Amino acid sequence: MKFTKRTIYILLVIIITIAIDQISKIWTRANVIKGSTSEIIGDFFTLHNVENKGAFLGMGSELNDTLRIILLLVLPVVVLAFVLRHILKDKTLDNLSLFAFSSIIGGGIANVFDRIAYGSVTDFWHIDLGGVFRTGIFNIADLFVTTGMIVLVIASFRKKKTEKEA
């Protein structure tokens, strides 16, 4: 593989995403009691230490071990590999899209790593804006995946607008 500035940018975003996520999870495992809740900003923003054996919001945690391995380890690794291959080969992607895809890949790899290393994913943040906006308990990897998806949608709309104007 030829290491161009573009390739280095992609790999750096992925590596930094994984590093930030893993550091935050190591800190949480070491400093936050499992099952506890600590207020950061009142009830609006709280800190937890929850081990999630499933995917988003615990979905799939009741699956048998074989299905859980296929759906939460094998399938994500295959999809992440295909997405990485795509962004390395598609030279038409702009930097915003590259950032978005790389963030998604980094977050995905970080959570897959947790499933392999610990058998679950450590989640620790919760936001509740008085019922107007409420999240499940999540982690930095989830934040990068979600942010990447939002940025990808924005980049897609920008690209369509630019194509329309041309």
N, C-alpha and C. Protein backbone atom coordinates (compact mmCIF):
# COMPACT_ATOMS: atom_id res chain seq x y z
N MET A 1 0.84 -1.18 0.00
CA MET A 1 0.00 0.00 0.00
C MET A 1 0.89 1.24 0.00
N LYS A 2 0.55 2.16 -0.88
CA LYS A 2 1.30 3.40 -1.00
C LYS A 2 0.78 4.40 0.04
N PHE A 3 1.69 4.95 0.85
CA PHE A 3 1.29 5.88 1.90
C PHE A 3 1.34 7.32 1.39
N THR A 4 0.21 7.75 0.83
CA THR A 4 0.06 9.13 0.39
C THR A 4 -0.42 9.96 1.58
N LYS A 5 -0.47 11.28 1.41
CA LYS A 5 -1.01 12.15 2.46
C LYS A 5 -2.44 11.73 2.79
N ARG A 6 -3.18 11.38 1.77
CA ARG A 6 -4.58 10.97 1.93
C ARG A 6 -4.68 9.71 2.79
N THR A 7 -3.85 8.71 2.50
CA THR A 7 -3.84 7.45 3.25
C THR A 7 -3.43 7.71 4.70
N ILE A 8 -2.42 8.54 4.89
CA ILE A 8 -1.96 8.87 6.24
C ILE A 8 -3.08 9.58 7.01
N TYR A 9 -3.79 10.49 6.34
CA TYR A 9 -4.92 11.20 6.97
C TYR A 9 -5.97 10.20 7.44
N ILE A 10 -6.35 9.26 6.57
CA ILE A 10 -7.35 8.25 6.92
C ILE A 10 -6.88 7.44 8.13
N LEU A 11 -5.66 6.94 8.07
CA LEU A 11 -5.13 6.10 9.16
C LEU A 11 -5.00 6.88 10.47
N LEU A 12 -4.59 8.15 10.38
CA LEU A 12 -4.48 8.97 11.59
C LEU A 12 -5.84 9.18 12.26
N VAL A 13 -6.86 9.48 11.47
CA VAL A 13 -8.20 9.67 12.04
C VAL A 13 -8.65 8.38 12.72
N ILE A 14 -8.45 7.24 12.06
CA ILE A 14 -8.84 5.94 12.65
C ILE A 14 -8.07 5.69 13.94
N ILE A 15 -6.76 5.86 13.92
CA ILE A 15 -5.92 5.58 15.10
C ILE A 15 -6.25 6.53 16.25
N ILE A 16 -6.42 7.81 15.96
CA ILE A 16 -6.75 8.78 17.01
C ILE A 16 -8.12 8.47 17.62
N THR A 17 -9.07 8.10 16.78
CA THR A 17 -10.41 7.72 17.26
C THR A 17 -10.31 6.55 18.23
N ILE A 18 -9.60 5.51 17.81
CA ILE A 18 -9.43 4.32 18.66
C ILE A 18 -8.73 4.69 19.97
N ALA A 19 -7.66 5.49 19.88
CA ALA A 19 -6.89 5.86 21.07
C ALA A 19 -7.73 6.65 22.07
N ILE A 20 -8.46 7.66 21.60
CA ILE A 20 -9.30 8.46 22.50
C ILE A 20 -10.34 7.57 23.16
N ASP A 21 -10.97 6.71 22.38
CA ASP A 21 -11.98 5.81 22.93
C ASP A 21 -11.39 4.87 23.98
N GLN A 22 -10.29 4.23 23.67
CA GLN A 22 -9.71 3.27 24.60
C GLN A 22 -9.20 3.93 25.87
N ILE A 23 -8.62 5.10 25.75
CA ILE A 23 -8.16 5.83 26.95
C ILE A 23 -9.36 6.17 27.84
N SER A 24 -10.45 6.62 27.24
CA SER A 24 -11.64 6.96 28.04
C SER A 24 -12.23 5.73 28.72
N LYS A 25 -12.20 4.59 28.06
CA LYS A 25 -12.73 3.36 28.65
C LYS A 25 -11.82 2.83 29.75
N ILE A 26 -10.51 2.93 29.55
CA ILE A 26 -9.55 2.51 30.60
C ILE A 26 -9.77 3.37 31.84
N TRP A 27 -9.91 4.69 31.64
CA TRP A 27 -10.14 5.59 32.77
C TRP A 27 -11.45 5.23 33.48
N THR A 28 -12.51 4.98 32.70
CA THR A 28 -13.80 4.66 33.29
C THR A 28 -13.73 3.36 34.09
N ARG A 29 -13.12 2.31 33.51
CA ARG A 29 -13.01 1.03 34.22
C ARG A 29 -12.23 1.19 35.54
N ALA A 30 -11.22 2.06 35.53
CA ALA A 30 -10.35 2.24 36.70
C ALA A 30 -10.95 3.16 37.76
N ASN A 31 -11.80 4.11 37.35
CA ASN A 31 -12.22 5.16 38.28
C ASN A 31 -13.72 5.25 38.57
N VAL A 32 -14.53 4.53 37.83
CA VAL A 32 -15.98 4.62 38.04
C VAL A 32 -16.49 3.24 38.46
N ILE A 33 -17.17 3.19 39.58
CA ILE A 33 -17.69 1.92 40.10
C ILE A 33 -18.77 1.40 39.15
N LYS A 34 -18.67 0.10 38.81
CA LYS A 34 -19.66 -0.51 37.91
C LYS A 34 -21.06 -0.32 38.45
N GLY A 35 -21.96 0.08 37.57
CA GLY A 35 -23.36 0.25 37.93
C GLY A 35 -23.67 1.56 38.63
N SER A 36 -22.66 2.38 38.88
CA SER A 36 -22.89 3.64 39.59
C SER A 36 -23.33 4.74 38.62
N THR A 37 -23.88 5.81 39.19
CA THR A 37 -24.25 7.00 38.43
C THR A 37 -23.69 8.21 39.14
N SER A 38 -22.97 9.05 38.42
CA SER A 38 -22.42 10.29 38.98
C SER A 38 -22.91 11.45 38.13
N GLU A 39 -23.37 12.49 38.79
CA GLU A 39 -23.81 13.68 38.07
C GLU A 39 -22.60 14.48 37.62
N ILE A 40 -22.59 14.84 36.35
CA ILE A 40 -21.55 15.73 35.83
C ILE A 40 -22.15 17.13 35.74
N ILE A 41 -23.29 17.23 35.09
CA ILE A 41 -24.07 18.48 35.03
C ILE A 41 -25.49 18.11 35.44
N GLY A 42 -25.73 18.07 36.74
CA GLY A 42 -27.05 17.68 37.25
C GLY A 42 -27.48 16.34 36.68
N ASP A 43 -28.77 16.19 36.44
CA ASP A 43 -29.30 14.98 35.82
C ASP A 43 -29.18 15.01 34.30
N PHE A 44 -28.71 16.16 33.77
CA PHE A 44 -28.64 16.33 32.33
C PHE A 44 -27.51 15.52 31.70
N PHE A 45 -26.40 15.42 32.37
CA PHE A 45 -25.23 14.73 31.83
C PHE A 45 -24.63 13.91 32.96
N THR A 46 -24.71 12.58 32.85
CA THR A 46 -24.26 11.71 33.93
C THR A 46 -23.21 10.72 33.46
N LEU A 47 -22.41 10.26 34.42
CA LEU A 47 -21.33 9.31 34.17
C LEU A 47 -21.70 7.97 34.80
N HIS A 48 -21.51 6.91 34.05
CA HIS A 48 -21.84 5.55 34.48
C HIS A 48 -20.66 4.64 34.18
N ASN A 49 -20.78 3.37 34.55
CA ASN A 49 -19.85 2.33 34.10
C ASN A 49 -20.71 1.09 33.87
N VAL A 50 -21.08 0.89 32.62
CA VAL A 50 -21.96 -0.21 32.24
C VAL A 50 -21.25 -1.06 31.21
N GLU A 51 -21.28 -2.37 31.40
CA GLU A 51 -20.72 -3.29 30.40
C GLU A 51 -21.86 -3.78 29.51
N ASN A 52 -21.79 -3.46 28.23
CA ASN A 52 -22.84 -3.77 27.27
C ASN A 52 -22.41 -4.98 26.43
N LYS A 53 -23.09 -6.09 26.59
CA LYS A 53 -22.76 -7.30 25.84
C LYS A 53 -23.40 -7.30 24.45
N GLY A 54 -24.31 -6.35 24.21
CA GLY A 54 -24.99 -6.26 22.93
C GLY A 54 -24.42 -5.14 22.09
N ALA A 55 -25.26 -4.67 21.19
CA ALA A 55 -24.88 -3.55 20.33
C ALA A 55 -25.57 -2.30 20.87
N PHE A 56 -25.97 -1.41 20.01
CA PHE A 56 -26.63 -0.16 20.37
C PHE A 56 -27.76 -0.41 21.36
N LEU A 57 -27.71 0.26 22.50
CA LEU A 57 -28.72 0.15 23.57
C LEU A 57 -28.92 -1.29 24.04
N GLY A 58 -27.88 -2.10 23.93
CA GLY A 58 -27.95 -3.47 24.43
C GLY A 58 -28.64 -4.45 23.49
N MET A 59 -29.03 -3.99 22.30
CA MET A 59 -29.70 -4.89 21.36
C MET A 59 -28.80 -6.07 21.04
N GLY A 60 -29.35 -7.26 21.09
CA GLY A 60 -28.60 -8.46 20.77
C GLY A 60 -27.92 -9.10 21.95
N SER A 61 -28.04 -8.51 23.13
CA SER A 61 -27.36 -9.08 24.30
C SER A 61 -27.95 -10.42 24.73
N GLU A 62 -29.20 -10.71 24.32
CA GLU A 62 -29.83 -11.98 24.69
C GLU A 62 -29.60 -13.07 23.64
N LEU A 63 -28.92 -12.74 22.55
CA LEU A 63 -28.65 -13.75 21.51
C LEU A 63 -27.73 -14.83 22.06
N ASN A 64 -27.83 -16.03 21.45
CA ASN A 64 -26.89 -17.08 21.88
C ASN A 64 -25.48 -16.68 21.43
N ASP A 65 -24.48 -17.31 22.02
CA ASP A 65 -23.08 -16.91 21.79
C ASP A 65 -22.69 -16.95 20.32
N THR A 66 -23.12 -17.97 19.59
CA THR A 66 -22.75 -18.09 18.17
C THR A 66 -23.30 -16.93 17.36
N LEU A 67 -24.58 -16.61 17.53
CA LEU A 67 -25.18 -15.50 16.80
C LEU A 67 -24.54 -14.17 17.20
N ARG A 68 -24.26 -14.01 18.49
CA ARG A 68 -23.65 -12.77 18.95
C ARG A 68 -22.26 -12.60 18.33
N ILE A 69 -21.49 -13.69 18.22
CA ILE A 69 -20.17 -13.61 17.59
C ILE A 69 -20.30 -13.22 16.12
N ILE A 70 -21.25 -13.83 15.43
CA ILE A 70 -21.44 -13.53 14.00
C ILE A 70 -21.91 -12.09 13.80
N LEU A 71 -22.93 -11.67 14.55
CA LEU A 71 -23.54 -10.36 14.33
C LEU A 71 -22.76 -9.20 14.95
N LEU A 72 -22.03 -9.44 16.03
CA LEU A 72 -21.35 -8.34 16.71
C LEU A 72 -19.84 -8.34 16.57
N LEU A 73 -19.29 -9.41 15.97
CA LEU A 73 -17.84 -9.46 15.73
C LEU A 73 -17.50 -9.67 14.26
N VAL A 74 -17.95 -10.78 13.72
CA VAL A 74 -17.57 -11.13 12.35
C VAL A 74 -18.16 -10.13 11.34
N LEU A 75 -19.46 -9.92 11.39
CA LEU A 75 -20.10 -9.01 10.43
C LEU A 75 -19.53 -7.59 10.50
N PRO A 76 -19.39 -7.00 11.69
CA PRO A 76 -18.79 -5.65 11.74
C PRO A 76 -17.37 -5.60 11.18
N VAL A 77 -16.55 -6.62 11.45
CA VAL A 77 -15.18 -6.62 10.93
C VAL A 77 -15.20 -6.67 9.40
N VAL A 78 -16.07 -7.49 8.83
CA VAL A 78 -16.17 -7.58 7.37
C VAL A 78 -16.64 -6.25 6.78
N VAL A 79 -17.67 -5.65 7.37
CA VAL A 79 -18.19 -4.38 6.87
C VAL A 79 -17.14 -3.28 7.00
N LEU A 80 -16.48 -3.20 8.16
CA LEU A 80 -15.44 -2.18 8.36
C LEU A 80 -14.30 -2.35 7.36
N ALA A 81 -13.93 -3.58 7.07
CA ALA A 81 -12.86 -3.84 6.09
C ALA A 81 -13.28 -3.37 4.70
N PHE A 82 -14.53 -3.65 4.32
CA PHE A 82 -15.02 -3.20 3.00
C PHE A 82 -15.09 -1.68 2.92
N VAL A 83 -15.53 -1.03 4.00
CA VAL A 83 -15.60 0.44 3.99
C VAL A 83 -14.19 1.02 3.91
N LEU A 84 -13.25 0.46 4.66
CA LEU A 84 -11.86 0.94 4.59
C LEU A 84 -11.30 0.76 3.19
N ARG A 85 -11.52 -0.40 2.61
CA ARG A 85 -11.06 -0.64 1.24
C ARG A 85 -11.66 0.38 0.28
N HIS A 86 -12.95 0.66 0.45
CA HIS A 86 -13.65 1.62 -0.42
C HIS A 86 -13.02 3.01 -0.32
N ILE A 87 -12.81 3.50 0.91
CA ILE A 87 -12.30 4.87 1.03
C ILE A 87 -10.84 4.98 0.61
N LEU A 88 -10.10 3.88 0.72
CA LEU A 88 -8.71 3.93 0.25
C LEU A 88 -8.64 3.94 -1.27
N LYS A 89 -9.60 3.30 -1.93
CA LYS A 89 -9.58 3.21 -3.39
C LYS A 89 -10.32 4.35 -4.10
N ASP A 90 -11.41 4.86 -3.48
CA ASP A 90 -12.22 5.90 -4.13
C ASP A 90 -11.57 7.27 -3.94
N LYS A 91 -10.88 7.71 -4.94
CA LYS A 91 -10.14 8.98 -4.87
C LYS A 91 -11.05 10.20 -5.04
N THR A 92 -12.34 9.99 -5.31
CA THR A 92 -13.25 11.12 -5.51
C THR A 92 -13.85 11.64 -4.19
N LEU A 93 -13.61 10.92 -3.11
CA LEU A 93 -14.18 11.35 -1.82
C LEU A 93 -13.48 12.60 -1.31
N ASP A 94 -14.26 13.57 -0.86
CA ASP A 94 -13.69 14.79 -0.29
C ASP A 94 -13.21 14.53 1.14
N ASN A 95 -12.47 15.50 1.70
CA ASN A 95 -11.90 15.33 3.05
C ASN A 95 -12.97 15.16 4.12
N LEU A 96 -14.10 15.83 3.97
CA LEU A 96 -15.19 15.69 4.95
C LEU A 96 -15.72 14.26 4.96
N SER A 97 -15.92 13.69 3.79
CA SER A 97 -16.38 12.30 3.70
C SER A 97 -15.33 11.33 4.22
N LEU A 98 -14.06 11.60 3.92
CA LEU A 98 -12.98 10.76 4.43
C LEU A 98 -12.94 10.78 5.95
N PHE A 99 -13.11 11.98 6.53
CA PHE A 99 -13.15 12.11 7.98
C PHE A 99 -14.33 11.30 8.55
N ALA A 100 -15.48 11.44 7.92
CA ALA A 100 -16.69 10.75 8.39
C ALA A 100 -16.50 9.24 8.35
N PHE A 101 -16.09 8.71 7.21
CA PHE A 101 -15.89 7.27 7.08
C PHE A 101 -14.80 6.78 8.05
N SER A 102 -13.72 7.53 8.17
CA SER A 102 -12.63 7.13 9.06
C SER A 102 -13.07 7.13 10.52
N SER A 103 -13.91 8.09 10.91
CA SER A 103 -14.45 8.13 12.27
C SER A 103 -15.34 6.92 12.54
N ILE A 104 -16.15 6.57 11.56
CA ILE A 104 -17.02 5.39 11.69
C ILE A 104 -16.19 4.12 11.83
N ILE A 105 -15.16 4.00 11.00
CA ILE A 105 -14.29 2.83 11.06
C ILE A 105 -13.55 2.77 12.40
N GLY A 106 -12.99 3.89 12.84
CA GLY A 106 -12.28 3.92 14.11
C GLY A 106 -13.18 3.56 15.28
N GLY A 107 -14.37 4.13 15.32
CA GLY A 107 -15.32 3.81 16.38
C GLY A 107 -15.74 2.36 16.35
N GLY A 108 -15.97 1.85 15.15
CA GLY A 108 -16.35 0.44 15.00
C GLY A 108 -15.24 -0.50 15.47
N ILE A 109 -14.02 -0.20 15.07
CA ILE A 109 -12.88 -1.03 15.48
C ILE A 109 -12.72 -0.99 17.00
N ALA A 110 -12.88 0.19 17.60
CA ALA A 110 -12.71 0.33 19.05
C ALA A 110 -13.72 -0.54 19.80
N ASN A 111 -14.97 -0.55 19.35
CA ASN A 111 -15.99 -1.36 20.02
C ASN A 111 -15.78 -2.85 19.75
N VAL A 112 -15.36 -3.21 18.55
CA VAL A 112 -15.07 -4.62 18.25
C VAL A 112 -13.90 -5.09 19.13
N PHE A 113 -12.89 -4.24 19.27
CA PHE A 113 -11.76 -4.58 20.14
C PHE A 113 -12.24 -4.90 21.55
N ASP A 114 -13.12 -4.06 22.09
CA ASP A 114 -13.66 -4.31 23.43
C ASP A 114 -14.36 -5.66 23.52
N ARG A 115 -15.15 -5.97 22.50
CA ARG A 115 -15.88 -7.25 22.52
C ARG A 115 -14.90 -8.43 22.52
N ILE A 116 -13.81 -8.29 21.78
CA ILE A 116 -12.81 -9.36 21.74
C ILE A 116 -12.03 -9.41 23.06
N ALA A 117 -11.57 -8.26 23.54
CA ALA A 117 -10.70 -8.22 24.72
C ALA A 117 -11.46 -8.42 26.03
N TYR A 118 -12.68 -7.91 26.13
CA TYR A 118 -13.40 -7.93 27.41
C TYR A 118 -14.72 -8.69 27.38
N GLY A 119 -15.19 -9.06 26.19
CA GLY A 119 -16.47 -9.75 26.08
C GLY A 119 -17.66 -8.82 26.13
N SER A 120 -17.40 -7.51 26.26
CA SER A 120 -18.47 -6.50 26.29
C SER A 120 -17.85 -5.15 25.97
N VAL A 121 -18.71 -4.17 25.79
CA VAL A 121 -18.27 -2.80 25.49
C VAL A 121 -18.59 -1.92 26.70
N THR A 122 -17.62 -1.15 27.15
CA THR A 122 -17.83 -0.25 28.28
C THR A 122 -18.52 1.03 27.78
N ASP A 123 -19.69 1.30 28.34
CA ASP A 123 -20.43 2.53 28.05
C ASP A 123 -20.47 3.36 29.32
N PHE A 124 -20.46 4.70 29.18
CA PHE A 124 -20.35 5.52 30.39
C PHE A 124 -21.04 6.86 30.38
N TRP A 125 -21.44 7.39 29.28
CA TRP A 125 -22.08 8.71 29.27
C TRP A 125 -23.56 8.58 29.01
N HIS A 126 -24.34 9.48 29.62
CA HIS A 126 -25.78 9.54 29.39
C HIS A 126 -26.20 11.00 29.38
N ILE A 127 -27.03 11.36 28.42
CA ILE A 127 -27.55 12.73 28.31
C ILE A 127 -29.07 12.66 28.41
N ASP A 128 -29.65 13.54 29.24
CA ASP A 128 -31.10 13.64 29.36
C ASP A 128 -31.45 15.12 29.53
N LEU A 129 -31.92 15.72 28.46
CA LEU A 129 -32.27 17.14 28.49
C LEU A 129 -33.76 17.31 28.83
N GLY A 130 -34.14 16.76 29.97
CA GLY A 130 -35.50 16.92 30.46
C GLY A 130 -36.56 16.28 29.59
N GLY A 131 -36.23 15.18 28.94
CA GLY A 131 -37.20 14.48 28.11
C GLY A 131 -37.26 15.00 26.67
N VAL A 132 -36.70 16.20 26.42
CA VAL A 132 -36.69 16.75 25.07
C VAL A 132 -35.73 15.94 24.20
N PHE A 133 -34.58 15.62 24.77
CA PHE A 133 -33.55 14.82 24.09
C PHE A 133 -32.95 13.90 25.14
N ARG A 134 -32.94 12.61 24.83
CA ARG A 134 -32.40 11.64 25.78
C ARG A 134 -31.67 10.54 25.01
N THR A 135 -30.50 10.19 25.51
CA THR A 135 -29.73 9.12 24.87
C THR A 135 -29.74 7.88 25.75
N GLY A 136 -29.28 6.79 25.19
CA GLY A 136 -28.93 5.64 26.00
C GLY A 136 -27.55 5.92 26.57
N ILE A 137 -27.01 4.98 27.32
CA ILE A 137 -25.65 5.14 27.82
C ILE A 137 -24.70 4.77 26.68
N PHE A 138 -23.74 5.63 26.41
CA PHE A 138 -22.87 5.45 25.24
C PHE A 138 -21.42 5.73 25.59
N ASN A 139 -20.54 5.55 24.60
CA ASN A 139 -19.10 5.80 24.81
C ASN A 139 -18.55 6.64 23.67
N ILE A 140 -17.27 6.91 23.72
CA ILE A 140 -16.62 7.75 22.71
C ILE A 140 -16.70 7.13 21.31
N ALA A 141 -16.52 5.81 21.21
CA ALA A 141 -16.61 5.15 19.91
C ALA A 141 -17.99 5.37 19.30
N ASP A 142 -19.04 5.23 20.12
CA ASP A 142 -20.40 5.48 19.65
C ASP A 142 -20.55 6.92 19.17
N LEU A 143 -19.93 7.84 19.90
CA LEU A 143 -19.98 9.25 19.54
C LEU A 143 -19.31 9.49 18.18
N PHE A 144 -18.16 8.85 17.96
CA PHE A 144 -17.47 9.00 16.67
C PHE A 144 -18.28 8.38 15.53
N VAL A 145 -18.89 7.22 15.77
CA VAL A 145 -19.70 6.59 14.73
C VAL A 145 -20.89 7.48 14.38
N THR A 146 -21.58 7.97 15.40
CA THR A 146 -22.74 8.83 15.18
C THR A 146 -22.35 10.14 14.50
N THR A 147 -21.28 10.76 14.98
CA THR A 147 -20.79 11.99 14.36
C THR A 147 -20.40 11.73 12.91
N GLY A 148 -19.72 10.62 12.66
CA GLY A 148 -19.35 10.26 11.29
C GLY A 148 -20.56 10.11 10.38
N MET A 149 -21.61 9.49 10.89
CA MET A 149 -22.84 9.33 10.09
C MET A 149 -23.47 10.68 9.78
N ILE A 150 -23.53 11.56 10.78
CA ILE A 150 -24.11 12.90 10.57
C ILE A 150 -23.27 13.68 9.56
N VAL A 151 -21.96 13.64 9.71
CA VAL A 151 -21.07 14.35 8.78
C VAL A 151 -21.21 13.78 7.37
N LEU A 152 -21.37 12.47 7.26
CA LEU A 152 -21.54 11.84 5.96
C LEU A 152 -22.82 12.32 5.27
N VAL A 153 -23.89 12.45 6.03
CA VAL A 153 -25.16 12.96 5.47
C VAL A 153 -24.97 14.41 5.01
N ILE A 154 -24.31 15.22 5.83
CA ILE A 154 -24.06 16.62 5.47
C ILE A 154 -23.20 16.69 4.20
N ALA A 155 -22.15 15.88 4.15
CA ALA A 155 -21.27 15.87 2.97
C ALA A 155 -22.03 15.45 1.72
N SER A 156 -22.93 14.51 1.89
CA SER A 156 -23.74 14.03 0.76
C SER A 156 -24.65 15.15 0.23
N PHE A 157 -25.30 15.88 1.15
CA PHE A 157 -26.15 17.00 0.73
C PHE A 157 -25.33 18.10 0.06
N ARG A 158 -24.15 18.38 0.61
CA ARG A 158 -23.28 19.39 0.01
C ARG A 158 -22.86 18.99 -1.40
N LYS A 159 -22.55 17.70 -1.57
CA LYS A 159 -22.12 17.21 -2.88
C LYS A 159 -23.26 17.32 -3.89
N LYS A 160 -24.48 16.95 -3.47
CA LYS A 160 -25.64 17.03 -4.37
C LYS A 160 -25.93 18.48 -4.75
N LYS A 161 -25.81 19.38 -3.77
CA LYS A 161 -26.04 20.81 -4.04
C LYS A 161 -25.02 21.33 -5.03
N THR A 162 -23.76 20.94 -4.87
CA THR A 162 -22.69 21.37 -5.77
C THR A 162 -22.93 20.82 -7.18
N GLU A 163 -23.35 19.54 -7.25
CA GLU A 163 -23.63 18.93 -8.57
C GLU A 163 -24.80 19.62 -9.26
N LYS A 164 -25.81 20.01 -8.49
CA LYS A 164 -26.98 20.69 -9.04
C LYS A 164 -26.62 22.04 -9.62
N GLU A 165 -25.72 22.74 -8.90
CA GLU A 165 -25.31 24.08 -9.34
C GLU A 165 -24.43 24.02 -10.58
N ALA A 166 -23.75 22.91 -10.78
CA ALA A 166 -22.82 22.79 -11.93
C ALA A 166 -23.52 22.50 -13.23
